[in-house]
Amino acid sequence: MANDKHLAILEKGVNAWNHWRIKNPNLVPDLSEANLNSIVLQYINFKGVNLSFSQLSEANLMSADLTGANLNDANLFKAYLVRANFCKANLCQANLEGANLLGANLCEADLTGVNLRNTNLKATDLVRAKFIEANLSHTSCNGANFYGADLSRANFAHTNLSEADLNEAVLNEANFWEANLSGAQLRKASLKDAYMVKANLSGANFSEANLQDADLMKADLSETNFSNADLTGANLREAIMNGTNFIEAKLNRVNFIKTFMSANFAYADLSGAKLKEADMTEANLTHAKLENVEL
């Protein structure tokens, strides 16, 4: 429950609140469960504030400082959070559906189980943030920086991740159904058992990534880079391959059934791969390993 004295100071406005915070640097304000719907708090100092279970629907927190704040189970539905700083904040189970986080900083924040459906995350800093089982479906993430983030079992269905930085991110069992990852960077990312059916991966970089048992059925892999990647047991049935790079990739037991492969498999390991009805007439198989392939 929010502290009445703290709420009274907040009601005086942003300048009064920020001045009070400067004079009381060691005090942790308690605004938990407060009703702050539609409030305008641009440039507010909410650093370390307890906002758990608070109501901030359609609030304006542009350029606010929420570093280390506790927003566990907070409701930020359609909130305006452009350039807000949530670095190391706790946003577990929070609702940010429809929020605008353009240019916001969420580095190392905990967003486990958060709802980010239909949000704007363009050019957002999400380095090493935690998004385990988060819902990011139908979200605009183009140009966002997810470097080293944990996105295990996250839902990216129909999300735009074009040109996003997902290098070294953990994406095991994530759902990318019909997502757009064109031009995205996923070097050394972990995508074990990821679901990428009908996803647009054209021009993406998966070099040295782990895609063991991933499902890429009917995905667009045009000009995609899988060099030195591990796709053991992956499903690439009916995937689109035009100029795809599999140089030195590990493709043991991969399913290529009914796939047209205008791709570079030089030095790749295709041992045990399923190539029934696959068209490899334009594939480069120089020094590729083809032991026990299924034709």
C-alpha atoms as a PDB file:
ATOM      1  CA  MET A   1       0.000   0.000   0.000  1.00  0.00           C
ATOM      2  CA  ALA A   2       1.302   3.433  -0.972  1.00  0.00           C
ATOM      3  CA  ASN A   3       2.585   5.785   1.711  1.00  0.00           C
ATOM      4  CA  ASP A   4       0.089   8.675   2.015  1.00  0.00           C
ATOM      5  CA  LYS A   5       2.860  11.200   2.708  1.00  0.00           C
ATOM      6  CA  HIS A   6       4.731  10.138  -0.413  1.00  0.00           C
ATOM      7  CA  LEU A   7       1.560  10.396  -2.511  1.00  0.00           C
ATOM      8  CA  ALA A   8       0.916  13.899  -1.149  1.00  0.00           C
ATOM      9  CA  ILE A   9       4.372  15.044  -2.266  1.00  0.00           C
ATOM     10  CA  LEU A  10       3.845  13.520  -5.714  1.00  0.00           C
ATOM     11  CA  GLU A  11       0.565  15.424  -6.061  1.00  0.00           C
ATOM     12  CA  LYS A  12       2.530  18.675  -5.780  1.00  0.00           C
ATOM     13  CA  GLY A  13       4.168  17.960  -9.140  1.00  0.00           C
ATOM     14  CA  VAL A  14       7.401  16.696 -10.680  1.00  0.00           C
ATOM     15  CA  ASN A  15       9.590  19.605  -9.530  1.00  0.00           C
ATOM     16  CA  ALA A  16       8.510  19.271  -5.900  1.00  0.00           C
ATOM     17  CA  TRP A  17       8.963  15.484  -6.009  1.00  0.00           C
ATOM     18  CA  ASN A  18      12.424  15.637  -7.587  1.00  0.00           C
ATOM     19  CA  HIS A  19      13.550  18.304  -5.077  1.00  0.00           C
ATOM     20  CA  TRP A  20      12.304  16.109  -2.203  1.00  0.00           C
ATOM     21  CA  ARG A  21      14.243  13.129  -3.605  1.00  0.00           C
ATOM     22  CA  ILE A  22      17.453  15.198  -3.680  1.00  0.00           C
ATOM     23  CA  LYS A  23      16.970  16.170  -0.041  1.00  0.00           C
ATOM     24  CA  ASN A  24      16.209  12.548   0.982  1.00  0.00           C
ATOM     25  CA  PRO A  25      18.622  10.416  -1.073  1.00  0.00           C
ATOM     26  CA  ASN A  26      18.462   7.369   1.236  1.00  0.00           C
ATOM     27  CA  LEU A  27      14.672   7.164   1.500  1.00  0.00           C
ATOM     28  CA  VAL A  28      12.886   4.563  -0.668  1.00  0.00           C
ATOM     29  CA  PRO A  29       9.488   6.006  -1.660  1.00  0.00           C
ATOM     30  CA  ASP A  30       6.528   3.615  -1.498  1.00  0.00           C
ATOM     31  CA  LEU A  31       3.914   4.099  -4.206  1.00  0.00           C
ATOM     32  CA  SER A  32       2.848   0.459  -4.354  1.00  0.00           C
ATOM     33  CA  GLU A  33      -0.752  -0.101  -5.471  1.00  0.00           C
ATOM     34  CA  ALA A  34      -1.136   3.633  -6.167  1.00  0.00           C
ATOM     35  CA  ASN A  35      -3.647   4.731  -8.805  1.00  0.00           C
ATOM     36  CA  LEU A  36      -1.629   6.910 -11.178  1.00  0.00           C
ATOM     37  CA  ASN A  37      -3.591   6.292 -14.362  1.00  0.00           C
ATOM     38  CA  SER A  38      -3.162   8.977 -17.065  1.00  0.00           C
ATOM     39  CA  ILE A  39      -0.803  10.998 -14.848  1.00  0.00           C
ATOM     40  CA  VAL A  40       1.854  13.224 -16.511  1.00  0.00           C
ATOM     41  CA  LEU A  41       5.256  12.699 -14.884  1.00  0.00           C
ATOM     42  CA  GLN A  42       7.816  13.579 -17.529  1.00  0.00           C
ATOM     43  CA  TYR A  43      11.409  13.602 -16.230  1.00  0.00           C
ATOM     44  CA  ILE A  44      10.289  12.298 -12.811  1.00  0.00           C
ATOM     45  CA  ASN A  45      12.919  10.746 -10.512  1.00  0.00           C
ATOM     46  CA  PHE A  46      11.447   7.325  -9.676  1.00  0.00           C
ATOM     47  CA  LYS A  47      14.851   5.749  -9.144  1.00  0.00           C
ATOM     48  CA  GLY A  48      14.480   2.784  -6.786  1.00  0.00           C
ATOM     49  CA  VAL A  49      10.819   3.605  -6.053  1.00  0.00           C
ATOM     50  CA  ASN A  50       8.389   0.840  -5.069  1.00  0.00           C
ATOM     51  CA  LEU A  51       5.678   0.921  -7.753  1.00  0.00           C
ATOM     52  CA  SER A  52       4.649  -2.709  -7.461  1.00  0.00           C
ATOM     53  CA  PHE A  53       0.997  -3.366  -8.351  1.00  0.00           C
ATOM     54  CA  SER A  54       0.572   0.323  -9.220  1.00  0.00           C
ATOM     55  CA  GLN A  55      -1.829   1.555 -11.892  1.00  0.00           C
ATOM     56  CA  LEU A  56      -0.036   3.601 -14.571  1.00  0.00           C
ATOM     57  CA  SER A  57      -2.330   2.983 -17.511  1.00  0.00           C
ATOM     58  CA  GLU A  58      -1.831   5.671 -20.205  1.00  0.00           C
ATOM     59  CA  ALA A  59       0.579   7.543 -17.926  1.00  0.00           C
ATOM     60  CA  ASN A  60       3.194   9.846 -19.470  1.00  0.00           C
ATOM     61  CA  LEU A  61       6.635   8.954 -18.097  1.00  0.00           C
ATOM     62  CA  MET A  62       8.728  10.295 -20.958  1.00  0.00           C
ATOM     63  CA  SER A  63      12.418  10.484 -19.997  1.00  0.00           C
ATOM     64  CA  ALA A  64      11.605   9.365 -16.455  1.00  0.00           C
ATOM     65  CA  ASP A  65      14.347   7.752 -14.338  1.00  0.00           C
ATOM     66  CA  LEU A  66      13.108   4.372 -13.077  1.00  0.00           C
ATOM     67  CA  THR A  67      16.546   2.855 -12.566  1.00  0.00           C
ATOM     68  CA  GLY A  68      16.231  -0.054 -10.142  1.00  0.00           C
ATOM     69  CA  ALA A  69      12.544   0.644  -9.532  1.00  0.00           C
ATOM     70  CA  ASN A  70      10.160  -2.125  -8.486  1.00  0.00           C
ATOM     71  CA  LEU A  71       7.292  -2.371 -10.991  1.00  0.00           C
ATOM     72  CA  ASN A  72       6.387  -5.964 -10.261  1.00  0.00           C
ATOM     73  CA  ASP A  73       2.800  -6.596 -11.503  1.00  0.00           C
ATOM     74  CA  ALA A  74       2.385  -2.903 -12.386  1.00  0.00           C
ATOM     75  CA  ASN A  75      -0.117  -1.920 -15.073  1.00  0.00           C
ATOM     76  CA  LEU A  76       1.435   0.336 -17.733  1.00  0.00           C
ATOM     77  CA  PHE A  77      -1.129  -0.322 -20.449  1.00  0.00           C
ATOM     78  CA  LYS A  78      -0.590   2.144 -23.315  1.00  0.00           C
ATOM     79  CA  ALA A  79       1.823   4.177 -21.195  1.00  0.00           C
ATOM     80  CA  TYR A  80       4.086   6.728 -22.919  1.00  0.00           C
ATOM     81  CA  LEU A  81       7.601   5.659 -21.915  1.00  0.00           C
ATOM     82  CA  VAL A  82       9.732   7.205 -24.659  1.00  0.00           C
ATOM     83  CA  ARG A  83      13.389   7.475 -23.574  1.00  0.00           C
ATOM     84  CA  ALA A  84      12.515   6.337 -20.024  1.00  0.00           C
ATOM     85  CA  ASN A  85      15.295   4.619 -18.048  1.00  0.00           C
ATOM     86  CA  PHE A  86      14.335   1.210 -16.611  1.00  0.00           C
ATOM     87  CA  CYS A  87      17.898  -0.055 -16.218  1.00  0.00           C
ATOM     88  CA  LYS A  88      17.991  -2.913 -13.645  1.00  0.00           C
ATOM     89  CA  ALA A  89      14.299  -2.353 -12.851  1.00  0.00           C
ATOM     90  CA  ASN A  90      11.963  -5.173 -11.797  1.00  0.00           C
ATOM     91  CA  LEU A  91       9.093  -5.447 -14.280  1.00  0.00           C
ATOM     92  CA  CYS A  92       8.155  -9.085 -13.626  1.00  0.00           C
ATOM     93  CA  GLN A  93       4.588  -9.886 -14.681  1.00  0.00           C
ATOM     94  CA  ALA A  94       3.965  -6.213 -15.538  1.00  0.00           C
ATOM     95  CA  ASN A  95       1.471  -5.252 -18.241  1.00  0.00           C
ATOM     96  CA  LEU A  96       2.964  -2.959 -20.901  1.00  0.00           C
ATOM     97  CA  GLU A  97       0.604  -3.871 -23.725  1.00  0.00           C
ATOM     98  CA  GLY A  98       0.405  -1.070 -26.265  1.00  0.00           C
ATOM     99  CA  ALA A  99       3.070   1.009 -24.483  1.00  0.00           C
ATOM    100  CA  ASN A 100       5.517   3.241 -26.374  1.00  0.00           C
ATOM    101  CA  LEU A 101       9.109   2.486 -25.304  1.00  0.00           C
ATOM    102  CA  LEU A 102      10.867   4.120 -28.239  1.00  0.00           C
ATOM    103  CA  GLY A 103      14.504   4.697 -27.298  1.00  0.00           C
ATOM    104  CA  ALA A 104      13.971   3.507 -23.716  1.00  0.00           C
ATOM    105  CA  ASN A 105      16.730   1.880 -21.649  1.00  0.00           C
ATOM    106  CA  LEU A 106      15.875  -1.531 -20.168  1.00  0.00           C
ATOM    107  CA  CYS A 107      19.405  -2.884 -19.872  1.00  0.00           C
ATOM    108  CA  GLU A 108      19.668  -5.670 -17.273  1.00  0.00           C
ATOM    109  CA  ALA A 109      15.999  -5.215 -16.332  1.00  0.00           C
ATOM    110  CA  ASP A 110      13.945  -8.229 -15.235  1.00  0.00           C
ATOM    111  CA  LEU A 111      10.887  -8.592 -17.476  1.00  0.00           C
ATOM    112  CA  THR A 112      10.078 -12.211 -16.700  1.00  0.00           C
ATOM    113  CA  GLY A 113       6.517 -12.985 -17.763  1.00  0.00           C
ATOM    114  CA  VAL A 114       5.871  -9.401 -18.884  1.00  0.00           C
ATOM    115  CA  ASN A 115       3.177  -8.557 -21.434  1.00  0.00           C
ATOM    116  CA  LEU A 116       4.657  -6.408 -24.225  1.00  0.00           C
ATOM    117  CA  ARG A 117       2.120  -7.231 -26.921  1.00  0.00           C
ATOM    118  CA  ASN A 118       1.722  -4.459 -29.505  1.00  0.00           C
ATOM    119  CA  THR A 119       4.396  -2.281 -27.894  1.00  0.00           C
ATOM    120  CA  ASN A 120       6.907  -0.022 -29.634  1.00  0.00           C
ATOM    121  CA  LEU A 121      10.447  -1.151 -28.785  1.00  0.00           C
ATOM    122  CA  LYS A 122      12.196   0.465 -31.742  1.00  0.00           C
ATOM    123  CA  ALA A 123      15.806   1.430 -31.004  1.00  0.00           C
ATOM    124  CA  THR A 124      15.370   0.291 -27.386  1.00  0.00           C
ATOM    125  CA  ASP A 125      18.359  -0.786 -25.246  1.00  0.00           C
ATOM    126  CA  LEU A 126      17.604  -4.249 -23.820  1.00  0.00           C
ATOM    127  CA  VAL A 127      21.172  -5.468 -23.296  1.00  0.00           C
ATOM    128  CA  ARG A 128      21.329  -8.474 -20.936  1.00  0.00           C
ATOM    129  CA  ALA A 129      17.704  -8.003 -19.899  1.00  0.00           C
ATOM    130  CA  LYS A 130      15.651 -11.013 -18.770  1.00  0.00           C
ATOM    131  CA  PHE A 131      12.520 -11.785 -20.824  1.00  0.00           C
ATOM    132  CA  ILE A 132      11.825 -15.381 -19.825  1.00  0.00           C
ATOM    133  CA  GLU A 133       8.314 -16.390 -21.015  1.00  0.00           C
ATOM    134  CA  ALA A 134       7.569 -12.767 -21.977  1.00  0.00           C
ATOM    135  CA  ASN A 135       4.899 -11.954 -24.562  1.00  0.00           C
ATOM    136  CA  LEU A 136       6.363  -9.785 -27.345  1.00  0.00           C
ATOM    137  CA  SER A 137       3.912 -10.809 -30.063  1.00  0.00           C
ATOM    138  CA  HIS A 138       2.938  -8.200 -32.677  1.00  0.00           C
ATOM    139  CA  THR A 139       5.640  -5.887 -31.301  1.00  0.00           C
ATOM    140  CA  SER A 140       7.874  -3.429 -33.197  1.00  0.00           C
ATOM    141  CA  CYS A 141      11.441  -4.304 -32.207  1.00  0.00           C
ATOM    142  CA  ASN A 142      13.275  -3.241 -35.348  1.00  0.00           C
ATOM    143  CA  GLY A 143      16.701  -1.894 -34.494  1.00  0.00           C
ATOM    144  CA  ALA A 144      16.351  -2.912 -30.823  1.00  0.00           C
ATOM    145  CA  ASN A 145      19.444  -4.106 -28.931  1.00  0.00           C
ATOM    146  CA  PHE A 146      18.882  -7.478 -27.208  1.00  0.00           C
ATOM    147  CA  TYR A 147      22.587  -8.316 -26.932  1.00  0.00           C
ATOM    148  CA  GLY A 148      23.100 -11.098 -24.371  1.00  0.00           C
ATOM    149  CA  ALA A 149      19.451 -10.990 -23.246  1.00  0.00           C
ATOM    150  CA  ASP A 150      17.662 -14.086 -21.905  1.00  0.00           C
ATOM    151  CA  LEU A 151      14.533 -14.571 -24.030  1.00  0.00           C
ATOM    152  CA  SER A 152      13.922 -18.230 -23.280  1.00  0.00           C
ATOM    153  CA  ARG A 153      10.388 -19.327 -24.194  1.00  0.00           C
ATOM    154  CA  ALA A 154       9.471 -15.757 -25.197  1.00  0.00           C
ATOM    155  CA  ASN A 155       6.681 -15.216 -27.725  1.00  0.00           C
ATOM    156  CA  PHE A 156       7.710 -13.206 -30.814  1.00  0.00           C
ATOM    157  CA  ALA A 157       4.864 -14.320 -33.100  1.00  0.00           C
ATOM    158  CA  HIS A 158       4.290 -11.748 -35.889  1.00  0.00           C
ATOM    159  CA  THR A 159       6.910  -9.434 -34.356  1.00  0.00           C
ATOM    160  CA  ASN A 160       9.194  -7.142 -36.360  1.00  0.00           C
ATOM    161  CA  LEU A 161      12.822  -7.764 -35.351  1.00  0.00           C
ATOM    162  CA  SER A 162      14.429  -6.531 -38.544  1.00  0.00           C
ATOM    163  CA  GLU A 163      17.971  -5.234 -38.029  1.00  0.00           C
ATOM    164  CA  ALA A 164      17.739  -6.092 -34.301  1.00  0.00           C
ATOM    165  CA  ASP A 165      20.876  -7.059 -32.350  1.00  0.00           C
ATOM    166  CA  LEU A 166      20.358 -10.501 -30.788  1.00  0.00           C
ATOM    167  CA  ASN A 167      24.017 -11.469 -30.674  1.00  0.00           C
ATOM    168  CA  GLU A 168      24.742 -13.982 -27.886  1.00  0.00           C
ATOM    169  CA  ALA A 169      21.095 -13.867 -26.764  1.00  0.00           C
ATOM    170  CA  VAL A 170      19.414 -16.940 -25.250  1.00  0.00           C
ATOM    171  CA  LEU A 171      16.299 -17.775 -27.292  1.00  0.00           C
ATOM    172  CA  ASN A 172      15.758 -21.425 -26.441  1.00  0.00           C
ATOM    173  CA  GLU A 173      12.177 -22.583 -27.166  1.00  0.00           C
ATOM    174  CA  ALA A 174      11.195 -19.065 -28.263  1.00  0.00           C
ATOM    175  CA  ASN A 175       8.277 -18.674 -30.676  1.00  0.00           C
ATOM    176  CA  PHE A 176       9.026 -16.757 -33.901  1.00  0.00           C
ATOM    177  CA  TRP A 177       5.920 -17.780 -35.871  1.00  0.00           C
ATOM    178  CA  GLU A 178       5.831 -15.543 -38.982  1.00  0.00           C
ATOM    179  CA  ALA A 179       8.195 -13.058 -37.308  1.00  0.00           C
ATOM    180  CA  ASN A 180      10.400 -10.712 -39.344  1.00  0.00           C
ATOM    181  CA  LEU A 181      14.097 -11.102 -38.520  1.00  0.00           C
ATOM    182  CA  SER A 182      15.419  -9.836 -41.836  1.00  0.00           C
ATOM    183  CA  GLY A 183      18.901  -8.435 -41.393  1.00  0.00           C
ATOM    184  CA  ALA A 184      18.951  -9.291 -37.682  1.00  0.00           C
ATOM    185  CA  GLN A 185      22.222 -10.193 -35.957  1.00  0.00           C
ATOM    186  CA  LEU A 186      22.155 -13.496 -34.016  1.00  0.00           C
ATOM    187  CA  ARG A 187      25.837 -14.411 -33.892  1.00  0.00           C
ATOM    188  CA  LYS A 188      26.527 -17.009 -31.165  1.00  0.00           C
ATOM    189  CA  ALA A 189      22.867 -16.910 -30.098  1.00  0.00           C
ATOM    190  CA  SER A 190      21.266 -20.006 -28.586  1.00  0.00           C
ATOM    191  CA  LEU A 191      18.026 -21.042 -30.323  1.00  0.00           C
ATOM    192  CA  LYS A 192      17.609 -24.656 -29.229  1.00  0.00           C
ATOM    193  CA  ASP A 193      14.107 -25.920 -30.065  1.00  0.00           C
ATOM    194  CA  ALA A 194      13.100 -22.463 -31.320  1.00  0.00           C
ATOM    195  CA  TYR A 195       9.892 -22.343 -33.401  1.00  0.00           C
ATOM    196  CA  MET A 196      10.539 -20.291 -36.546  1.00  0.00           C
ATOM    197  CA  VAL A 197       7.944 -21.634 -38.966  1.00  0.00           C
ATOM    198  CA  LYS A 198       7.273 -19.218 -41.835  1.00  0.00           C
ATOM    199  CA  ALA A 199       9.603 -16.621 -40.298  1.00  0.00           C
ATOM    200  CA  ASN A 200      11.447 -14.137 -42.516  1.00  0.00           C
ATOM    201  CA  LEU A 201      15.146 -14.715 -41.786  1.00  0.00           C
ATOM    202  CA  SER A 202      16.459 -13.249 -45.033  1.00  0.00           C
ATOM    203  CA  GLY A 203      19.843 -11.617 -44.666  1.00  0.00           C
ATOM    204  CA  ALA A 204      20.055 -12.508 -40.963  1.00  0.00           C
ATOM    205  CA  ASN A 205      23.361 -13.554 -39.408  1.00  0.00           C
ATOM    206  CA  PHE A 206      23.288 -16.844 -37.437  1.00  0.00           C
ATOM    207  CA  SER A 207      27.021 -17.521 -37.620  1.00  0.00           C
ATOM    208  CA  GLU A 208      28.207 -19.775 -34.767  1.00  0.00           C
ATOM    209  CA  ALA A 209      24.627 -19.899 -33.417  1.00  0.00           C
ATOM    210  CA  ASN A 210      23.105 -23.001 -31.827  1.00  0.00           C
ATOM    211  CA  LEU A 211      19.889 -24.015 -33.610  1.00  0.00           C
ATOM    212  CA  GLN A 212      19.722 -27.634 -32.513  1.00  0.00           C
ATOM    213  CA  ASP A 213      16.255 -29.112 -33.153  1.00  0.00           C
ATOM    214  CA  ALA A 214      14.887 -25.710 -34.233  1.00  0.00           C
ATOM    215  CA  ASP A 215      11.859 -25.698 -36.551  1.00  0.00           C
ATOM    216  CA  LEU A 216      12.430 -23.500 -39.625  1.00  0.00           C
ATOM    217  CA  MET A 217       9.805 -25.102 -41.856  1.00  0.00           C
ATOM    218  CA  LYS A 218       8.847 -22.813 -44.763  1.00  0.00           C
ATOM    219  CA  ALA A 219      11.066 -20.028 -43.391  1.00  0.00           C
ATOM    220  CA  ASP A 220      12.696 -17.558 -45.791  1.00  0.00           C
ATOM    221  CA  LEU A 221      16.455 -18.147 -45.566  1.00  0.00           C
ATOM    222  CA  SER A 222      17.472 -16.065 -48.588  1.00  0.00           C
ATOM    223  CA  GLU A 223      21.038 -14.738 -48.150  1.00  0.00           C
ATOM    224  CA  THR A 224      20.990 -15.924 -44.519  1.00  0.00           C
ATOM    225  CA  ASN A 225      24.362 -16.683 -42.921  1.00  0.00           C
ATOM    226  CA  PHE A 226      24.581 -19.988 -41.000  1.00  0.00           C
ATOM    227  CA  SER A 227      28.351 -20.379 -41.252  1.00  0.00           C
ATOM    228  CA  ASN A 228      29.759 -22.504 -38.415  1.00  0.00           C
ATOM    229  CA  ALA A 229      26.268 -22.777 -36.907  1.00  0.00           C
ATOM    230  CA  ASP A 230      24.944 -25.970 -35.295  1.00  0.00           C
ATOM    231  CA  LEU A 231      21.616 -27.020 -36.835  1.00  0.00           C
ATOM    232  CA  THR A 232      21.718 -30.643 -35.718  1.00  0.00           C
ATOM    233  CA  GLY A 233      18.235 -32.145 -35.959  1.00  0.00           C
ATOM    234  CA  ALA A 234      16.662 -28.931 -37.258  1.00  0.00           C
ATOM    235  CA  ASN A 235      13.643 -28.926 -39.562  1.00  0.00           C
ATOM    236  CA  LEU A 236      14.185 -26.959 -42.795  1.00  0.00           C
ATOM    237  CA  ARG A 237      11.463 -28.688 -44.802  1.00  0.00           C
ATOM    238  CA  GLU A 238      10.260 -26.495 -47.677  1.00  0.00           C
ATOM    239  CA  ALA A 239      12.399 -23.573 -46.498  1.00  0.00           C
ATOM    240  CA  ILE A 240      13.370 -20.927 -49.069  1.00  0.00           C
ATOM    241  CA  MET A 241      17.108 -21.006 -49.760  1.00  0.00           C
ATOM    242  CA  ASN A 242      18.543 -18.543 -52.216  1.00  0.00           C
ATOM    243  CA  GLY A 243      22.179 -17.707 -51.625  1.00  0.00           C
ATOM    244  CA  THR A 244      22.076 -19.195 -48.119  1.00  0.00           C
ATOM    245  CA  ASN A 245      25.475 -19.701 -46.469  1.00  0.00           C
ATOM    246  CA  PHE A 246      26.028 -23.003 -44.617  1.00  0.00           C
ATOM    247  CA  ILE A 247      29.834 -23.025 -44.842  1.00  0.00           C
ATOM    248  CA  GLU A 248      31.257 -25.349 -42.168  1.00  0.00           C
ATOM    249  CA  ALA A 249      27.831 -25.636 -40.539  1.00  0.00           C
ATOM    250  CA  LYS A 250      26.776 -28.732 -38.615  1.00  0.00           C
ATOM    251  CA  LEU A 251      23.685 -30.127 -40.352  1.00  0.00           C
ATOM    252  CA  ASN A 252      23.485 -33.676 -39.004  1.00  0.00           C
ATOM    253  CA  ARG A 253      19.996 -35.194 -39.337  1.00  0.00           C
ATOM    254  CA  VAL A 254      18.530 -31.951 -40.712  1.00  0.00           C
ATOM    255  CA  ASN A 255      15.249 -32.296 -42.601  1.00  0.00           C
ATOM    256  CA  PHE A 256      15.589 -30.774 -46.095  1.00  0.00           C
ATOM    257  CA  ILE A 257      12.627 -32.646 -47.632  1.00  0.00           C
ATOM    258  CA  LYS A 258      11.046 -30.808 -50.581  1.00  0.00           C
ATOM    259  CA  THR A 259      13.516 -27.946 -50.298  1.00  0.00           C
ATOM    260  CA  PHE A 260      15.128 -26.108 -53.223  1.00  0.00           C
ATOM    261  CA  MET A 261      18.663 -25.398 -52.126  1.00  0.00           C
ATOM    262  CA  SER A 262      20.572 -22.716 -53.969  1.00  0.00           C
ATOM    263  CA  ALA A 263      22.985 -22.618 -51.066  1.00  0.00           C
ATOM    264  CA  ASN A 264      26.656 -22.944 -50.150  1.00  0.00           C
ATOM    265  CA  PHE A 265      27.342 -26.141 -48.154  1.00  0.00           C
ATOM    266  CA  ALA A 266      31.126 -26.045 -48.548  1.00  0.00           C
ATOM    267  CA  TYR A 267      32.780 -28.055 -45.746  1.00  0.00           C
ATOM    268  CA  ALA A 268      29.378 -28.496 -44.035  1.00  0.00           C
ATOM    269  CA  ASP A 269      28.499 -31.736 -42.228  1.00  0.00           C
ATOM    270  CA  LEU A 270      25.289 -33.132 -43.726  1.00  0.00           C
ATOM    271  CA  SER A 271      25.667 -36.600 -42.237  1.00  0.00           C
ATOM    272  CA  GLY A 272      22.297 -38.275 -41.863  1.00  0.00           C
ATOM    273  CA  ALA A 273      20.427 -35.355 -43.456  1.00  0.00           C
ATOM    274  CA  LYS A 274      17.016 -36.025 -45.031  1.00  0.00           C
ATOM    275  CA  LEU A 275      17.174 -34.956 -48.657  1.00  0.00           C
ATOM    276  CA  LYS A 276      14.141 -36.738 -50.107  1.00  0.00           C
ATOM    277  CA  GLU A 277      12.649 -34.699 -52.977  1.00  0.00           C
ATOM    278  CA  ALA A 278      15.163 -31.914 -52.261  1.00  0.00           C
ATOM    279  CA  ASP A 279      16.556 -30.023 -55.276  1.00  0.00           C
ATOM    280  CA  MET A 280      20.306 -29.541 -54.856  1.00  0.00           C
ATOM    281  CA  THR A 281      21.152 -28.850 -58.488  1.00  0.00           C
ATOM    282  CA  GLU A 282      22.379 -25.349 -57.621  1.00  0.00           C
ATOM    283  CA  ALA A 283      23.944 -26.214 -54.277  1.00  0.00           C
ATOM    284  CA  ASN A 284      27.684 -26.007 -53.625  1.00  0.00           C
ATOM    285  CA  LEU A 285      28.704 -29.239 -51.873  1.00  0.00           C
ATOM    286  CA  THR A 286      32.458 -28.787 -52.096  1.00  0.00           C
ATOM    287  CA  HIS A 287      34.095 -30.946 -49.413  1.00  0.00           C
ATOM    288  CA  ALA A 288      30.733 -31.430 -47.681  1.00  0.00           C
ATOM    289  CA  LYS A 289      30.222 -34.572 -45.580  1.00  0.00           C
ATOM    290  CA  LEU A 290      27.345 -36.622 -46.951  1.00  0.00           C
ATOM    291  CA  GLU A 291      27.594 -39.881 -45.050  1.00  0.00           C
ATOM    292  CA  ASN A 292      24.306 -41.747 -44.536  1.00  0.00           C
ATOM    293  CA  VAL A 293      22.133 -39.041 -46.110  1.00  0.00           C
ATOM    294  CA  GLU A 294      18.544 -40.091 -46.865  1.00  0.00           C
ATOM    295  CA  LEU A 295      17.712 -39.707 -50.524  1.00  0.00           C
END
